[in-house]
Amino acid sequence: MDGSIELIAMWVLAANLASIGLYAWDKGLARERARGKSLSRIPEQMLLTVDFAGGFPGGFWAQRRFRHKTRKGTFQAKWMMVATASTVAWGVLLYGFVAA
């Protein structure tokens, strides 16, 4: 195992913190845009990619905390698929470490 689990834990922590930061940042951009400022938003694909990489618990928390992307049904459907796929992928990865 030689520190692999610790590396995975650090990766997941970083992905969760990144996800929370991206949702917070995008919510701030959305508010500024509603005030008439011409700002580019964070692409949904980026939010979903970070969530797939292990940040979906942080993404879930951030969506509720910042009330962001919670009413957009198409995003929520994609997010549920990403969270499920990420859970399966991480489960397979971790099972490989336990079984080894």
PDB file of N, CA and C in Angstrom:
ATOM      1  N   MET A   1       0.819  -1.199   0.000  1.00  0.00           N
ATOM      2  CA  MET A   1       0.000   0.000   0.000  1.00  0.00           C
ATOM      3  C   MET A   1       0.857   1.254   0.000  1.00  0.00           C
ATOM      4  N   ASP A   2       1.951   1.253   0.643  1.00  0.00           N
ATOM      5  CA  ASP A   2       2.961   2.309   0.646  1.00  0.00           C
ATOM      6  C   ASP A   2       2.442   3.736   0.502  1.00  0.00           C
ATOM      7  N   GLY A   3       1.463   4.096   1.298  1.00  0.00           N
ATOM      8  CA  GLY A   3       0.974   5.472   1.271  1.00  0.00           C
ATOM      9  C   GLY A   3      -0.070   5.765   0.220  1.00  0.00           C
ATOM     10  N   SER A   4      -0.499   4.756  -0.528  1.00  0.00           N
ATOM     11  CA  SER A   4      -1.478   4.995  -1.592  1.00  0.00           C
ATOM     12  C   SER A   4      -2.819   5.459  -1.044  1.00  0.00           C
ATOM     13  N   ILE A   5      -3.245   4.870   0.066  1.00  0.00           N
ATOM     14  CA  ILE A   5      -4.524   5.271   0.659  1.00  0.00           C
ATOM     15  C   ILE A   5      -4.456   6.728   1.105  1.00  0.00           C
ATOM     16  N   GLU A   6      -3.334   7.126   1.670  1.00  0.00           N
ATOM     17  CA  GLU A   6      -3.178   8.520   2.091  1.00  0.00           C
ATOM     18  C   GLU A   6      -3.239   9.457   0.888  1.00  0.00           C
ATOM     19  N   LEU A   7      -2.625   9.045  -0.202  1.00  0.00           N
ATOM     20  CA  LEU A   7      -2.656   9.847  -1.426  1.00  0.00           C
ATOM     21  C   LEU A   7      -4.084   9.968  -1.957  1.00  0.00           C
ATOM     22  N   ILE A   8      -4.813   8.874  -1.933  1.00  0.00           N
ATOM     23  CA  ILE A   8      -6.211   8.899  -2.378  1.00  0.00           C
ATOM     24  C   ILE A   8      -7.032   9.814  -1.477  1.00  0.00           C
ATOM     25  N   ALA A   9      -6.815   9.720  -0.167  1.00  0.00           N
ATOM     26  CA  ALA A   9      -7.548  10.575   0.773  1.00  0.00           C
ATOM     27  C   ALA A   9      -7.262  12.055   0.514  1.00  0.00           C
ATOM     28  N   MET A  10      -6.009  12.384   0.246  1.00  0.00           N
ATOM     29  CA  MET A  10      -5.662  13.782  -0.059  1.00  0.00           C
ATOM     30  C   MET A  10      -6.320  14.225  -1.366  1.00  0.00           C
ATOM     31  N   TRP A  11      -6.355  13.331  -2.357  1.00  0.00           N
ATOM     32  CA  TRP A  11      -6.992  13.640  -3.639  1.00  0.00           C
ATOM     33  C   TRP A  11      -8.481  13.949  -3.429  1.00  0.00           C
ATOM     34  N   VAL A  12      -9.158  13.082  -2.683  1.00  0.00           N
ATOM     35  CA  VAL A  12     -10.595  13.260  -2.463  1.00  0.00           C
ATOM     36  C   VAL A  12     -10.857  14.542  -1.672  1.00  0.00           C
ATOM     37  N   LEU A  13     -10.039  14.823  -0.680  1.00  0.00           N
ATOM     38  CA  LEU A  13     -10.188  16.067   0.078  1.00  0.00           C
ATOM     39  C   LEU A  13     -10.020  17.270  -0.840  1.00  0.00           C
ATOM     40  N   ALA A  14      -8.986  17.246  -1.673  1.00  0.00           N
ATOM     41  CA  ALA A  14      -8.748  18.357  -2.606  1.00  0.00           C
ATOM     42  C   ALA A  14      -9.903  18.503  -3.591  1.00  0.00           C
ATOM     43  N   ALA A  15     -10.429  17.391  -4.093  1.00  0.00           N
ATOM     44  CA  ALA A  15     -11.550  17.446  -5.038  1.00  0.00           C
ATOM     45  C   ALA A  15     -12.787  18.037  -4.376  1.00  0.00           C
ATOM     46  N   ASN A  16     -13.037  17.679  -3.122  1.00  0.00           N
ATOM     47  CA  ASN A  16     -14.193  18.225  -2.409  1.00  0.00           C
ATOM     48  C   ASN A  16     -14.040  19.717  -2.151  1.00  0.00           C
ATOM     49  N   LEU A  17     -12.857  20.128  -1.733  1.00  0.00           N
ATOM     50  CA  LEU A  17     -12.621  21.560  -1.510  1.00  0.00           C
ATOM     51  C   LEU A  17     -12.716  22.343  -2.818  1.00  0.00           C
ATOM     52  N   ALA A  18     -12.187  21.775  -3.896  1.00  0.00           N
ATOM     53  CA  ALA A  18     -12.280  22.429  -5.208  1.00  0.00           C
ATOM     54  C   ALA A  18     -13.733  22.543  -5.641  1.00  0.00           C
ATOM     55  N   SER A  19     -14.503  21.497  -5.424  1.00  0.00           N
ATOM     56  CA  SER A  19     -15.912  21.516  -5.806  1.00  0.00           C
ATOM     57  C   SER A  19     -16.669  22.598  -5.039  1.00  0.00           C
ATOM     58  N   ILE A  20     -16.457  22.652  -3.744  1.00  0.00           N
ATOM     59  CA  ILE A  20     -17.113  23.679  -2.929  1.00  0.00           C
ATOM     60  C   ILE A  20     -16.720  25.066  -3.421  1.00  0.00           C
ATOM     61  N   GLY A  21     -15.445  25.267  -3.673  1.00  0.00           N
ATOM     62  CA  GLY A  21     -14.976  26.561  -4.162  1.00  0.00           C
ATOM     63  C   GLY A  21     -15.574  26.939  -5.504  1.00  0.00           C
ATOM     64  N   LEU A  22     -15.672  25.974  -6.416  1.00  0.00           N
ATOM     65  CA  LEU A  22     -16.230  26.262  -7.742  1.00  0.00           C
ATOM     66  C   LEU A  22     -17.713  26.606  -7.670  1.00  0.00           C
ATOM     67  N   TYR A  23     -18.472  25.874  -6.864  1.00  0.00           N
ATOM     68  CA  TYR A  23     -19.900  26.190  -6.721  1.00  0.00           C
ATOM     69  C   TYR A  23     -20.081  27.573  -6.095  1.00  0.00           C
ATOM     70  N   ALA A  24     -19.277  27.889  -5.078  1.00  0.00           N
ATOM     71  CA  ALA A  24     -19.370  29.206  -4.437  1.00  0.00           C
ATOM     72  C   ALA A  24     -19.011  30.308  -5.422  1.00  0.00           C
ATOM     73  N   TRP A  25     -17.951  30.096  -6.180  1.00  0.00           N
ATOM     74  CA  TRP A  25     -17.502  31.086  -7.160  1.00  0.00           C
ATOM     75  C   TRP A  25     -18.567  31.283  -8.236  1.00  0.00           C
ATOM     76  N   ASP A  26     -19.111  30.188  -8.750  1.00  0.00           N
ATOM     77  CA  ASP A  26     -20.124  30.290  -9.793  1.00  0.00           C
ATOM     78  C   ASP A  26     -21.383  30.978  -9.276  1.00  0.00           C
ATOM     79  N   LYS A  27     -21.752  30.730  -8.033  1.00  0.00           N
ATOM     80  CA  LYS A  27     -22.918  31.405  -7.455  1.00  0.00           C
ATOM     81  C   LYS A  27     -22.664  32.908  -7.383  1.00  0.00           C
ATOM     82  N   GLY A  28     -21.468  33.286  -6.979  1.00  0.00           N
ATOM     83  CA  GLY A  28     -21.121  34.709  -6.945  1.00  0.00           C
ATOM     84  C   GLY A  28     -21.168  35.335  -8.325  1.00  0.00           C
ATOM     85  N   LEU A  29     -20.666  34.612  -9.323  1.00  0.00           N
ATOM     86  CA  LEU A  29     -20.716  35.115 -10.702  1.00  0.00           C
ATOM     87  C   LEU A  29     -22.157  35.246 -11.183  1.00  0.00           C
ATOM     88  N   ALA A  30     -22.993  34.291 -10.812  1.00  0.00           N
ATOM     89  CA  ALA A  30     -24.406  34.340 -11.212  1.00  0.00           C
ATOM     90  C   ALA A  30     -25.094  35.558 -10.602  1.00  0.00           C
ATOM     91  N   ARG A  31     -24.779  35.849  -9.359  1.00  0.00           N
ATOM     92  CA  ARG A  31     -25.371  37.034  -8.708  1.00  0.00           C
ATOM     93  C   ARG A  31     -24.925  38.321  -9.396  1.00  0.00           C
ATOM     94  N   GLU A  32     -23.633  38.409  -9.693  1.00  0.00           N
ATOM     95  CA  GLU A  32     -23.115  39.603 -10.369  1.00  0.00           C
ATOM     96  C   GLU A  32     -23.719  39.748 -11.762  1.00  0.00           C
ATOM     97  N   ARG A  33     -23.890  38.636 -12.443  1.00  0.00           N
ATOM     98  CA  ARG A  33     -24.483  38.677 -13.778  1.00  0.00           C
ATOM     99  C   ARG A  33     -25.932  39.149 -13.712  1.00  0.00           C
ATOM    100  N   ALA A  34     -26.635  38.758 -12.656  1.00  0.00           N
ATOM    101  CA  ALA A  34     -28.022  39.194 -12.478  1.00  0.00           C
ATOM    102  C   ALA A  34     -28.094  40.701 -12.259  1.00  0.00           C
ATOM    103  N   ARG A  35     -27.007  41.286 -11.784  1.00  0.00           N
ATOM    104  CA  ARG A  35     -26.947  42.739 -11.584  1.00  0.00           C
ATOM    105  C   ARG A  35     -26.514  43.480 -12.838  1.00  0.00           C
ATOM    106  N   GLY A  36     -26.342  42.745 -13.920  1.00  0.00           N
ATOM    107  CA  GLY A  36     -26.027  43.379 -15.192  1.00  0.00           C
ATOM    108  C   GLY A  36     -24.579  43.326 -15.620  1.00  0.00           C
ATOM    109  N   LYS A  37     -23.728  42.734 -14.808  1.00  0.00           N
ATOM    110  CA  LYS A  37     -22.319  42.632 -15.199  1.00  0.00           C
ATOM    111  C   LYS A  37     -22.147  41.493 -16.192  1.00  0.00           C
ATOM    112  N   SER A  38     -21.272  41.709 -17.146  1.00  0.00           N
ATOM    113  CA  SER A  38     -21.030  40.707 -18.181  1.00  0.00           C
ATOM    114  C   SER A  38     -19.857  39.824 -17.769  1.00  0.00           C
ATOM    115  N   LEU A  39     -20.153  38.796 -17.013  1.00  0.00           N
ATOM    116  CA  LEU A  39     -19.125  37.885 -16.512  1.00  0.00           C
ATOM    117  C   LEU A  39     -19.360  36.482 -17.050  1.00  0.00           C
ATOM    118  N   SER A  40     -18.284  35.787 -17.333  1.00  0.00           N
ATOM    119  CA  SER A  40     -18.399  34.394 -17.766  1.00  0.00           C
ATOM    120  C   SER A  40     -18.618  33.508 -16.550  1.00  0.00           C
ATOM    121  N   ARG A  41     -19.500  32.551 -16.698  1.00  0.00           N
ATOM    122  CA  ARG A  41     -19.783  31.597 -15.626  1.00  0.00           C
ATOM    123  C   ARG A  41     -18.863  30.390 -15.746  1.00  0.00           C
ATOM    124  N   ILE A  42     -18.812  29.609 -14.707  1.00  0.00           N
ATOM    125  CA  ILE A  42     -18.057  28.357 -14.732  1.00  0.00           C
ATOM    126  C   ILE A  42     -18.906  27.340 -15.484  1.00  0.00           C
ATOM    127  N   PRO A  43     -18.346  26.698 -16.501  1.00  0.00           N
ATOM    128  CA  PRO A  43     -19.135  25.724 -17.268  1.00  0.00           C
ATOM    129  C   PRO A  43     -19.621  24.568 -16.382  1.00  0.00           C
ATOM    130  N   GLU A  44     -20.858  24.144 -16.630  1.00  0.00           N
ATOM    131  CA  GLU A  44     -21.400  23.024 -15.868  1.00  0.00           C
ATOM    132  C   GLU A  44     -20.521  21.792 -15.999  1.00  0.00           C
ATOM    133  N   GLN A  45     -19.928  21.609 -17.177  1.00  0.00           N
ATOM    134  CA  GLN A  45     -19.070  20.445 -17.393  1.00  0.00           C
ATOM    135  C   GLN A  45     -17.894  20.433 -16.420  1.00  0.00           C
ATOM    136  N   MET A  46     -17.377  21.604 -16.065  1.00  0.00           N
ATOM    137  CA  MET A  46     -16.275  21.667 -15.109  1.00  0.00           C
ATOM    138  C   MET A  46     -16.755  21.256 -13.718  1.00  0.00           C
ATOM    139  N   LEU A  47     -17.933  21.742 -13.324  1.00  0.00           N
ATOM    140  CA  LEU A  47     -18.485  21.358 -12.027  1.00  0.00           C
ATOM    141  C   LEU A  47     -18.668  19.844 -11.960  1.00  0.00           C
ATOM    142  N   LEU A  48     -19.228  19.278 -13.023  1.00  0.00           N
ATOM    143  CA  LEU A  48     -19.488  17.843 -13.055  1.00  0.00           C
ATOM    144  C   LEU A  48     -18.194  17.029 -13.084  1.00  0.00           C
ATOM    145  N   THR A  49     -17.185  17.527 -13.774  1.00  0.00           N
ATOM    146  CA  THR A  49     -15.906  16.812 -13.848  1.00  0.00           C
ATOM    147  C   THR A  49     -15.231  16.752 -12.483  1.00  0.00           C
ATOM    148  N   VAL A  50     -15.216  17.865 -11.778  1.00  0.00           N
ATOM    149  CA  VAL A  50     -14.611  17.883 -10.440  1.00  0.00           C
ATOM    150  C   VAL A  50     -15.411  16.987  -9.492  1.00  0.00           C
ATOM    151  N   ASP A  51     -16.729  17.009  -9.630  1.00  0.00           N
ATOM    152  CA  ASP A  51     -17.550  16.139  -8.793  1.00  0.00           C
ATOM    153  C   ASP A  51     -17.277  14.669  -9.102  1.00  0.00           C
ATOM    154  N   PHE A  52     -17.109  14.324 -10.375  1.00  0.00           N
ATOM    155  CA  PHE A  52     -16.796  12.939 -10.732  1.00  0.00           C
ATOM    156  C   PHE A  52     -15.442  12.511 -10.180  1.00  0.00           C
ATOM    157  N   ALA A  53     -14.511  13.431 -10.146  1.00  0.00           N
ATOM    158  CA  ALA A  53     -13.153  13.120  -9.672  1.00  0.00           C
ATOM    159  C   ALA A  53     -13.099  12.846  -8.173  1.00  0.00           C
ATOM    160  N   GLY A  54     -14.241  12.896  -7.513  1.00  0.00           N
ATOM    161  CA  GLY A  54     -14.289  12.597  -6.087  1.00  0.00           C
ATOM    162  C   GLY A  54     -14.886  13.711  -5.260  1.00  0.00           C
ATOM    163  N   GLY A  55     -15.235  14.818  -5.904  1.00  0.00           N
ATOM    164  CA  GLY A  55     -15.732  15.974  -5.170  1.00  0.00           C
ATOM    165  C   GLY A  55     -17.237  16.056  -5.029  1.00  0.00           C
ATOM    166  N   PHE A  56     -17.955  14.980  -5.363  1.00  0.00           N
ATOM    167  CA  PHE A  56     -19.413  15.084  -5.335  1.00  0.00           C
ATOM    168  C   PHE A  56     -20.005  15.294  -3.936  1.00  0.00           C
ATOM    169  N   PRO A  57     -19.417  14.771  -2.842  1.00  0.00           N
ATOM    170  CA  PRO A  57     -19.993  15.117  -1.537  1.00  0.00           C
ATOM    171  C   PRO A  57     -19.898  16.629  -1.258  1.00  0.00           C
ATOM    172  N   GLY A  58     -18.762  17.218  -1.596  1.00  0.00           N
ATOM    173  CA  GLY A  58     -18.612  18.665  -1.443  1.00  0.00           C
ATOM    174  C   GLY A  58     -19.535  19.424  -2.368  1.00  0.00           C
ATOM    175  N   GLY A  59     -19.707  18.907  -3.589  1.00  0.00           N
ATOM    176  CA  GLY A  59     -20.631  19.525  -4.534  1.00  0.00           C
ATOM    177  C   GLY A  59     -22.060  19.486  -4.027  1.00  0.00           C
ATOM    178  N   PHE A  60     -22.450  18.349  -3.455  1.00  0.00           N
ATOM    179  CA  PHE A  60     -23.797  18.213  -2.887  1.00  0.00           C
ATOM    180  C   PHE A  60     -24.003  19.223  -1.767  1.00  0.00           C
ATOM    181  N   TRP A  61     -23.018  19.304  -0.868  1.00  0.00           N
ATOM    182  CA  TRP A  61     -23.108  20.246   0.245  1.00  0.00           C
ATOM    183  C   TRP A  61     -23.185  21.682  -0.269  1.00  0.00           C
ATOM    184  N   ALA A  62     -22.329  22.018  -1.227  1.00  0.00           N
ATOM    185  CA  ALA A  62     -22.270  23.386  -1.749  1.00  0.00           C
ATOM    186  C   ALA A  62     -23.563  23.770  -2.460  1.00  0.00           C
ATOM    187  N   GLN A  63     -24.155  22.840  -3.190  1.00  0.00           N
ATOM    188  CA  GLN A  63     -25.420  23.135  -3.865  1.00  0.00           C
ATOM    189  C   GLN A  63     -26.472  23.553  -2.848  1.00  0.00           C
ATOM    190  N   ARG A  64     -26.526  22.855  -1.742  1.00  0.00           N
ATOM    191  CA  ARG A  64     -27.524  23.188  -0.716  1.00  0.00           C
ATOM    192  C   ARG A  64     -27.129  24.439   0.058  1.00  0.00           C
ATOM    193  N   ARG A  65     -25.873  24.552   0.393  1.00  0.00           N
ATOM    194  CA  ARG A  65     -25.408  25.694   1.192  1.00  0.00           C
ATOM    195  C   ARG A  65     -25.585  27.015   0.456  1.00  0.00           C
ATOM    196  N   PHE A  66     -25.255  27.024  -0.839  1.00  0.00           N
ATOM    197  CA  PHE A  66     -25.316  28.254  -1.622  1.00  0.00           C
ATOM    198  C   PHE A  66     -26.594  28.362  -2.449  1.00  0.00           C
ATOM    199  N   ARG A  67     -27.467  27.375  -2.333  1.00  0.00           N
ATOM    200  CA  ARG A  67     -28.700  27.315  -3.131  1.00  0.00           C
ATOM    201  C   ARG A  67     -28.380  27.538  -4.605  1.00  0.00           C
ATOM    202  N   HIS A  68     -27.487  26.703  -5.094  1.00  0.00           N
ATOM    203  CA  HIS A  68     -26.996  26.870  -6.455  1.00  0.00           C
ATOM    204  C   HIS A  68     -27.164  25.582  -7.241  1.00  0.00           C
ATOM    205  N   LYS A  69     -27.792  25.681  -8.389  1.00  0.00           N
ATOM    206  CA  LYS A  69     -28.023  24.562  -9.310  1.00  0.00           C
ATOM    207  C   LYS A  69     -29.019  23.547  -8.754  1.00  0.00           C
ATOM    208  N   THR A  70     -29.777  23.911  -7.747  1.00  0.00           N
ATOM    209  CA  THR A  70     -30.697  22.952  -7.134  1.00  0.00           C
ATOM    210  C   THR A  70     -32.033  22.867  -7.867  1.00  0.00           C
ATOM    211  N   ARG A  71     -32.410  23.912  -8.578  1.00  0.00           N
ATOM    212  CA  ARG A  71     -33.703  23.902  -9.276  1.00  0.00           C
ATOM    213  C   ARG A  71     -33.578  23.563 -10.749  1.00  0.00           C
ATOM    214  N   LYS A  72     -32.381  23.458 -11.241  1.00  0.00           N
ATOM    215  CA  LYS A  72     -32.172  23.150 -12.656  1.00  0.00           C
ATOM    216  C   LYS A  72     -32.199  21.632 -12.834  1.00  0.00           C
ATOM    217  N   GLY A  73     -33.329  21.131 -13.300  1.00  0.00           N
ATOM    218  CA  GLY A  73     -33.547  19.692 -13.406  1.00  0.00           C
ATOM    219  C   GLY A  73     -32.550  18.969 -14.284  1.00  0.00           C
ATOM    220  N   THR A  74     -32.175  19.588 -15.408  1.00  0.00           N
ATOM    221  CA  THR A  74     -31.224  18.920 -16.307  1.00  0.00           C
ATOM    222  C   THR A  74     -29.864  18.765 -15.633  1.00  0.00           C
ATOM    223  N   PHE A  75     -29.445  19.778 -14.901  1.00  0.00           N
ATOM    224  CA  PHE A  75     -28.169  19.678 -14.197  1.00  0.00           C
ATOM    225  C   PHE A  75     -28.253  18.626 -13.097  1.00  0.00           C
ATOM    226  N   GLN A  76     -29.347  18.621 -12.353  1.00  0.00           N
ATOM    227  CA  GLN A  76     -29.490  17.657 -11.265  1.00  0.00           C
ATOM    228  C   GLN A  76     -29.487  16.220 -11.779  1.00  0.00           C
ATOM    229  N   ALA A  77     -30.109  15.987 -12.931  1.00  0.00           N
ATOM    230  CA  ALA A  77     -30.108  14.639 -13.521  1.00  0.00           C
ATOM    231  C   ALA A  77     -28.687  14.228 -13.898  1.00  0.00           C
ATOM    232  N   LYS A  78     -27.954  15.147 -14.515  1.00  0.00           N
ATOM    233  CA  LYS A  78     -26.559  14.854 -14.864  1.00  0.00           C
ATOM    234  C   LYS A  78     -25.731  14.639 -13.601  1.00  0.00           C
ATOM    235  N   TRP A  79     -25.980  15.470 -12.598  1.00  0.00           N
ATOM    236  CA  TRP A  79     -25.218  15.374 -11.363  1.00  0.00           C
ATOM    237  C   TRP A  79     -25.446  14.025 -10.680  1.00  0.00           C
ATOM    238  N   MET A  80     -26.691  13.544 -10.677  1.00  0.00           N
ATOM    239  CA  MET A  80     -26.991  12.242 -10.070  1.00  0.00           C
ATOM    240  C   MET A  80     -26.249  11.119 -10.796  1.00  0.00           C
ATOM    241  N   MET A  81     -26.191  11.207 -12.128  1.00  0.00           N
ATOM    242  CA  MET A  81     -25.450  10.193 -12.890  1.00  0.00           C
ATOM    243  C   MET A  81     -23.958  10.258 -12.566  1.00  0.00           C
ATOM    244  N   VAL A  82     -23.434  11.472 -12.470  1.00  0.00           N
ATOM    245  CA  VAL A  82     -22.015  11.657 -12.147  1.00  0.00           C
ATOM    246  C   VAL A  82     -21.710  11.139 -10.742  1.00  0.00           C
ATOM    247  N   ALA A  83     -22.551  11.465  -9.774  1.00  0.00           N
ATOM    248  CA  ALA A  83     -22.327  11.009  -8.397  1.00  0.00           C
ATOM    249  C   ALA A  83     -22.380   9.484  -8.314  1.00  0.00           C
ATOM    250  N   THR A  84     -23.320   8.880  -9.031  1.00  0.00           N
ATOM    251  CA  THR A  84     -23.426   7.419  -9.038  1.00  0.00           C
ATOM    252  C   THR A  84     -22.203   6.788  -9.694  1.00  0.00           C
ATOM    253  N   ALA A  85     -21.820   7.311 -10.854  1.00  0.00           N
ATOM    254  CA  ALA A  85     -20.651   6.772 -11.563  1.00  0.00           C
ATOM    255  C   ALA A  85     -19.384   6.949 -10.735  1.00  0.00           C
ATOM    256  N   SER A  86     -19.261   8.077 -10.069  1.00  0.00           N
ATOM    257  CA  SER A  86     -18.088   8.330  -9.237  1.00  0.00           C
ATOM    258  C   SER A  86     -18.042   7.361  -8.059  1.00  0.00           C
ATOM    259  N   THR A  87     -19.184   7.126  -7.444  1.00  0.00           N
ATOM    260  CA  THR A  87     -19.249   6.186  -6.322  1.00  0.00           C
ATOM    261  C   THR A  87     -18.810   4.792  -6.760  1.00  0.00           C
ATOM    262  N   VAL A  88     -19.304   4.360  -7.912  1.00  0.00           N
ATOM    263  CA  VAL A  88     -18.921   3.042  -8.434  1.00  0.00           C
ATOM    264  C   VAL A  88     -17.425   3.007  -8.744  1.00  0.00           C
ATOM    265  N   ALA A  89     -16.927   4.035  -9.424  1.00  0.00           N
ATOM    266  CA  ALA A  89     -15.508   4.069  -9.799  1.00  0.00           C
ATOM    267  C   ALA A  89     -14.609   4.058  -8.564  1.00  0.00           C
ATOM    268  N   TRP A  90     -14.934   4.871  -7.569  1.00  0.00           N
ATOM    269  CA  TRP A  90     -14.126   4.901  -6.351  1.00  0.00           C
ATOM    270  C   TRP A  90     -14.249   3.591  -5.589  1.00  0.00           C
ATOM    271  N   GLY A  91     -15.433   2.982  -5.611  1.00  0.00           N
ATOM    272  CA  GLY A  91     -15.611   1.684  -4.962  1.00  0.00           C
ATOM    273  C   GLY A  91     -14.733   0.619  -5.589  1.00  0.00           C
ATOM    274  N   VAL A  92     -14.694   0.589  -6.916  1.00  0.00           N
ATOM    275  CA  VAL A  92     -13.844  -0.374  -7.628  1.00  0.00           C
ATOM    276  C   VAL A  92     -12.374  -0.113  -7.311  1.00  0.00           C
ATOM    277  N   LEU A  93     -11.977   1.145  -7.324  1.00  0.00           N
ATOM    278  CA  LEU A  93     -10.586   1.493  -7.023  1.00  0.00           C
ATOM    279  C   LEU A  93     -10.200   1.059  -5.613  1.00  0.00           C
ATOM    280  N   LEU A  94     -11.035   1.387  -4.654  1.00  0.00           N
ATOM    281  CA  LEU A  94     -10.719   1.046  -3.265  1.00  0.00           C
ATOM    282  C   LEU A  94     -10.799  -0.454  -3.021  1.00  0.00           C
ATOM    283  N   TYR A  95     -11.706  -1.128  -3.703  1.00  0.00           N
ATOM    284  CA  TYR A  95     -11.782  -2.586  -3.576  1.00  0.00           C
ATOM    285  C   TYR A  95     -10.471  -3.223  -4.037  1.00  0.00           C
ATOM    286  N   GLY A  96      -9.887  -2.658  -5.070  1.00  0.00           N
ATOM    287  CA  GLY A  96      -8.599  -3.153  -5.549  1.00  0.00           C
ATOM    288  C   GLY A  96      -7.514  -3.055  -4.491  1.00  0.00           C
ATOM    289  N   PHE A  97      -7.555  -2.001  -3.682  1.00  0.00           N
ATOM    290  CA  PHE A  97      -6.567  -1.849  -2.615  1.00  0.00           C
ATOM    291  C   PHE A  97      -6.829  -2.832  -1.479  1.00  0.00           C
ATOM    292  N   VAL A  98      -8.092  -3.028  -1.152  1.00  0.00           N
ATOM    293  CA  VAL A  98      -8.438  -3.926  -0.051  1.00  0.00           C
ATOM    294  C   VAL A  98      -8.154  -5.376  -0.437  1.00  0.00           C
ATOM    295  N   ALA A  99      -8.487  -5.729  -1.674  1.00  0.00           N
ATOM    296  CA  ALA A  99      -8.313  -7.106  -2.131  1.00  0.00           C
ATOM    297  C   ALA A  99      -6.842  -7.464  -2.354  1.00  0.00           C
ATOM    298  N   ALA A 100      -6.013  -6.459  -2.550  1.00  0.00           N
ATOM    299  CA  ALA A 100      -4.588  -6.727  -2.854  1.00  0.00           C
ATOM    300  C   ALA A 100      -3.810  -7.177  -1.645  1.00  0.00           C
TER     301      ALA A 100
END
